[in-house]
Amino acid sequence: MAKIVVEVMLKPEILDPQGKAVASALPRLGFTFATSVRQGKRFEIEVAGDATPAQLAEVEKAAGTLLANPVIENYTVKVEK
């Protein structure tokens, strides 16, 4: 069984109010390591056997159609071991 991971993030030019809220909350909770925060989404898709190029192509298509909004988000598709 293989795991294909799709990571979705807002494009850099798009405002991220949730990330800003987290960045503001961290120092109030005593965490001072972050200079900024951006929030994203992660999808883990399991497939039978090893991931094939055809399956990766299908996941890539699903990512651009359903999992991400390509107008405001970037995404990556990779196989995780």
N, C-alpha and C. Protein backbone atom coordinates (compact mmCIF):
# COMPACT_ATOMS: atom_id res chain seq x y z
N MET A 1 0.85 -1.17 0.00
CA MET A 1 0.00 0.00 0.00
C MET A 1 0.90 1.24 0.00
N ALA A 2 0.59 2.17 -0.85
CA ALA A 2 1.37 3.41 -0.95
C ALA A 2 0.50 4.58 -0.51
N LYS A 3 1.16 5.62 -0.06
CA LYS A 3 0.46 6.84 0.36
C LYS A 3 0.89 7.98 -0.54
N ILE A 4 -0.10 8.59 -1.20
CA ILE A 4 0.15 9.78 -2.02
C ILE A 4 -0.33 10.97 -1.21
N VAL A 5 0.54 11.97 -1.09
CA VAL A 5 0.24 13.14 -0.26
C VAL A 5 0.07 14.36 -1.16
N VAL A 6 -1.02 15.09 -0.95
CA VAL A 6 -1.26 16.36 -1.63
C VAL A 6 -1.21 17.45 -0.57
N GLU A 7 -0.29 18.38 -0.73
CA GLU A 7 -0.19 19.52 0.19
C GLU A 7 -0.64 20.77 -0.55
N VAL A 8 -1.56 21.50 0.07
CA VAL A 8 -2.18 22.68 -0.53
C VAL A 8 -1.88 23.90 0.33
N MET A 9 -1.37 24.95 -0.29
CA MET A 9 -1.08 26.20 0.42
C MET A 9 -1.62 27.37 -0.40
N LEU A 10 -2.04 28.42 0.31
CA LEU A 10 -2.42 29.64 -0.39
C LEU A 10 -1.21 30.19 -1.13
N LYS A 11 -1.45 30.78 -2.28
CA LYS A 11 -0.36 31.43 -3.00
C LYS A 11 0.19 32.56 -2.14
N PRO A 12 1.49 32.88 -2.28
CA PRO A 12 2.11 33.89 -1.41
C PRO A 12 1.42 35.25 -1.43
N GLU A 13 0.82 35.62 -2.55
CA GLU A 13 0.19 36.94 -2.64
C GLU A 13 -1.22 36.98 -2.05
N ILE A 14 -1.74 35.84 -1.63
CA ILE A 14 -3.08 35.77 -1.06
C ILE A 14 -2.99 35.93 0.46
N LEU A 15 -3.81 36.80 1.03
CA LEU A 15 -3.82 37.00 2.47
C LEU A 15 -4.27 35.72 3.17
N ASP A 16 -3.69 35.46 4.34
CA ASP A 16 -3.99 34.24 5.11
C ASP A 16 -4.41 34.64 6.52
N PRO A 17 -5.70 34.97 6.73
CA PRO A 17 -6.13 35.42 8.05
C PRO A 17 -5.99 34.35 9.13
N GLN A 18 -6.17 33.08 8.78
CA GLN A 18 -6.00 32.03 9.78
C GLN A 18 -4.54 31.93 10.22
N GLY A 19 -3.63 32.02 9.26
CA GLY A 19 -2.21 32.01 9.60
C GLY A 19 -1.83 33.19 10.47
N LYS A 20 -2.38 34.37 10.15
CA LYS A 20 -2.10 35.56 10.97
C LYS A 20 -2.65 35.40 12.39
N ALA A 21 -3.83 34.78 12.52
CA ALA A 21 -4.40 34.56 13.85
C ALA A 21 -3.51 33.63 14.68
N VAL A 22 -3.00 32.58 14.05
CA VAL A 22 -2.10 31.66 14.75
C VAL A 22 -0.81 32.39 15.12
N ALA A 23 -0.27 33.17 14.19
CA ALA A 23 0.97 33.92 14.46
C ALA A 23 0.78 34.88 15.63
N SER A 24 -0.40 35.48 15.74
CA SER A 24 -0.67 36.40 16.85
C SER A 24 -0.85 35.66 18.17
N ALA A 25 -1.41 34.46 18.12
CA ALA A 25 -1.67 33.70 19.34
C ALA A 25 -0.41 33.07 19.92
N LEU A 26 0.54 32.71 19.09
CA LEU A 26 1.75 32.03 19.58
C LEU A 26 2.47 32.81 20.68
N PRO A 27 2.80 34.10 20.48
CA PRO A 27 3.49 34.82 21.55
C PRO A 27 2.67 34.94 22.83
N ARG A 28 1.35 35.06 22.69
CA ARG A 28 0.50 35.14 23.88
C ARG A 28 0.56 33.86 24.70
N LEU A 29 0.89 32.75 24.02
CA LEU A 29 1.00 31.47 24.71
C LEU A 29 2.44 31.15 25.11
N GLY A 30 3.34 32.10 24.89
CA GLY A 30 4.73 31.92 25.31
C GLY A 30 5.65 31.36 24.24
N PHE A 31 5.17 31.20 23.01
CA PHE A 31 6.00 30.69 21.91
C PHE A 31 6.49 31.87 21.08
N THR A 32 7.80 32.05 21.04
CA THR A 32 8.35 33.23 20.37
C THR A 32 9.22 32.88 19.16
N PHE A 33 9.13 31.68 18.66
CA PHE A 33 10.00 31.23 17.58
C PHE A 33 9.56 31.68 16.19
N ALA A 34 8.31 32.03 15.98
CA ALA A 34 7.77 32.27 14.63
C ALA A 34 7.80 33.75 14.27
N THR A 35 8.20 34.04 13.04
CA THR A 35 8.08 35.39 12.53
C THR A 35 6.83 35.55 11.67
N SER A 36 6.34 34.44 11.11
CA SER A 36 5.06 34.44 10.39
C SER A 36 4.56 32.99 10.30
N VAL A 37 3.27 32.86 10.01
CA VAL A 37 2.65 31.54 9.89
C VAL A 37 1.72 31.56 8.69
N ARG A 38 1.73 30.49 7.90
CA ARG A 38 0.76 30.29 6.82
C ARG A 38 0.13 28.93 7.05
N GLN A 39 -1.17 28.87 6.90
CA GLN A 39 -1.89 27.62 7.13
C GLN A 39 -2.23 26.97 5.81
N GLY A 40 -2.19 25.66 5.77
CA GLY A 40 -2.52 24.93 4.56
C GLY A 40 -3.32 23.68 4.86
N LYS A 41 -3.44 22.82 3.85
CA LYS A 41 -4.17 21.56 3.98
C LYS A 41 -3.27 20.42 3.50
N ARG A 42 -3.48 19.24 4.07
CA ARG A 42 -2.74 18.05 3.67
C ARG A 42 -3.74 16.92 3.48
N PHE A 43 -3.68 16.27 2.32
CA PHE A 43 -4.53 15.13 2.02
C PHE A 43 -3.63 13.91 1.87
N GLU A 44 -3.97 12.82 2.54
CA GLU A 44 -3.24 11.56 2.43
C GLU A 44 -4.15 10.56 1.74
N ILE A 45 -3.72 10.07 0.59
CA ILE A 45 -4.53 9.17 -0.23
C ILE A 45 -3.78 7.84 -0.33
N GLU A 46 -4.39 6.77 0.16
CA GLU A 46 -3.77 5.46 0.10
C GLU A 46 -4.25 4.73 -1.14
N VAL A 47 -3.31 4.05 -1.81
CA VAL A 47 -3.63 3.26 -2.99
C VAL A 47 -3.06 1.86 -2.78
N ALA A 48 -3.67 0.88 -3.41
CA ALA A 48 -3.20 -0.50 -3.31
C ALA A 48 -1.88 -0.65 -4.06
N GLY A 49 -0.94 -1.37 -3.47
CA GLY A 49 0.35 -1.59 -4.12
C GLY A 49 1.17 -0.32 -4.18
N ASP A 50 2.15 -0.32 -5.07
CA ASP A 50 2.99 0.85 -5.28
C ASP A 50 2.23 1.88 -6.12
N ALA A 51 2.49 3.15 -5.86
CA ALA A 51 1.86 4.21 -6.65
C ALA A 51 2.40 4.18 -8.07
N THR A 52 1.51 4.18 -9.03
CA THR A 52 1.91 4.15 -10.43
C THR A 52 1.87 5.56 -11.01
N PRO A 53 2.57 5.77 -12.14
CA PRO A 53 2.48 7.07 -12.79
C PRO A 53 1.04 7.44 -13.16
N ALA A 54 0.23 6.45 -13.54
CA ALA A 54 -1.17 6.73 -13.89
C ALA A 54 -1.95 7.20 -12.66
N GLN A 55 -1.70 6.58 -11.51
CA GLN A 55 -2.38 7.00 -10.29
C GLN A 55 -1.94 8.41 -9.88
N LEU A 56 -0.64 8.67 -9.99
CA LEU A 56 -0.15 10.02 -9.67
C LEU A 56 -0.79 11.05 -10.58
N ALA A 57 -0.94 10.72 -11.85
CA ALA A 57 -1.58 11.65 -12.79
C ALA A 57 -3.03 11.89 -12.40
N GLU A 58 -3.72 10.84 -11.96
CA GLU A 58 -5.12 11.00 -11.53
C GLU A 58 -5.21 11.86 -10.28
N VAL A 59 -4.32 11.63 -9.33
CA VAL A 59 -4.34 12.44 -8.11
C VAL A 59 -4.01 13.89 -8.44
N GLU A 60 -3.06 14.10 -9.35
CA GLU A 60 -2.72 15.46 -9.79
C GLU A 60 -3.96 16.15 -10.38
N LYS A 61 -4.72 15.41 -11.19
CA LYS A 61 -5.93 15.97 -11.78
C LYS A 61 -6.97 16.27 -10.70
N ALA A 62 -7.14 15.35 -9.74
CA ALA A 62 -8.08 15.56 -8.64
C ALA A 62 -7.66 16.76 -7.80
N ALA A 63 -6.36 16.93 -7.59
CA ALA A 63 -5.87 18.06 -6.79
C ALA A 63 -6.23 19.38 -7.46
N GLY A 64 -6.05 19.46 -8.76
CA GLY A 64 -6.35 20.69 -9.48
C GLY A 64 -7.83 20.94 -9.68
N THR A 65 -8.65 19.89 -9.53
CA THR A 65 -10.09 20.01 -9.75
C THR A 65 -10.87 20.13 -8.45
N LEU A 66 -10.49 19.35 -7.43
CA LEU A 66 -11.30 19.24 -6.22
C LEU A 66 -10.56 19.66 -4.95
N LEU A 67 -9.33 19.22 -4.79
CA LEU A 67 -8.63 19.42 -3.51
C LEU A 67 -8.08 20.83 -3.34
N ALA A 68 -7.76 21.50 -4.42
CA ALA A 68 -7.21 22.86 -4.35
C ALA A 68 -7.98 23.77 -5.29
N ASN A 69 -7.94 25.04 -4.98
CA ASN A 69 -8.48 26.06 -5.88
C ASN A 69 -7.27 26.70 -6.55
N PRO A 70 -6.96 26.30 -7.79
CA PRO A 70 -5.73 26.78 -8.42
C PRO A 70 -5.67 28.29 -8.65
N VAL A 71 -6.78 28.98 -8.51
CA VAL A 71 -6.77 30.44 -8.64
C VAL A 71 -6.03 31.07 -7.46
N ILE A 72 -6.22 30.51 -6.26
CA ILE A 72 -5.63 31.11 -5.07
C ILE A 72 -4.68 30.18 -4.31
N GLU A 73 -4.57 28.91 -4.75
CA GLU A 73 -3.74 27.95 -4.02
C GLU A 73 -2.76 27.25 -4.94
N ASN A 74 -1.60 26.91 -4.38
CA ASN A 74 -0.63 26.03 -5.02
C ASN A 74 -0.73 24.67 -4.35
N TYR A 75 -0.36 23.61 -5.05
CA TYR A 75 -0.37 22.29 -4.45
C TYR A 75 0.81 21.48 -4.97
N THR A 76 1.20 20.50 -4.17
CA THR A 76 2.22 19.54 -4.57
C THR A 76 1.67 18.14 -4.35
N VAL A 77 2.09 17.22 -5.20
CA VAL A 77 1.69 15.82 -5.10
C VAL A 77 2.97 15.01 -5.00
N LYS A 78 3.05 14.13 -3.98
CA LYS A 78 4.24 13.30 -3.83
C LYS A 78 3.85 11.97 -3.20
N VAL A 79 4.71 10.98 -3.39
CA VAL A 79 4.52 9.68 -2.77
C VAL A 79 5.32 9.69 -1.48
N GLU A 80 4.66 9.30 -0.39
CA GLU A 80 5.33 9.26 0.91
C GLU A 80 5.60 7.80 1.28
N LYS A 81 6.78 7.56 1.76
CA LYS A 81 7.16 6.19 2.13
C LYS A 81 6.76 5.89 3.54
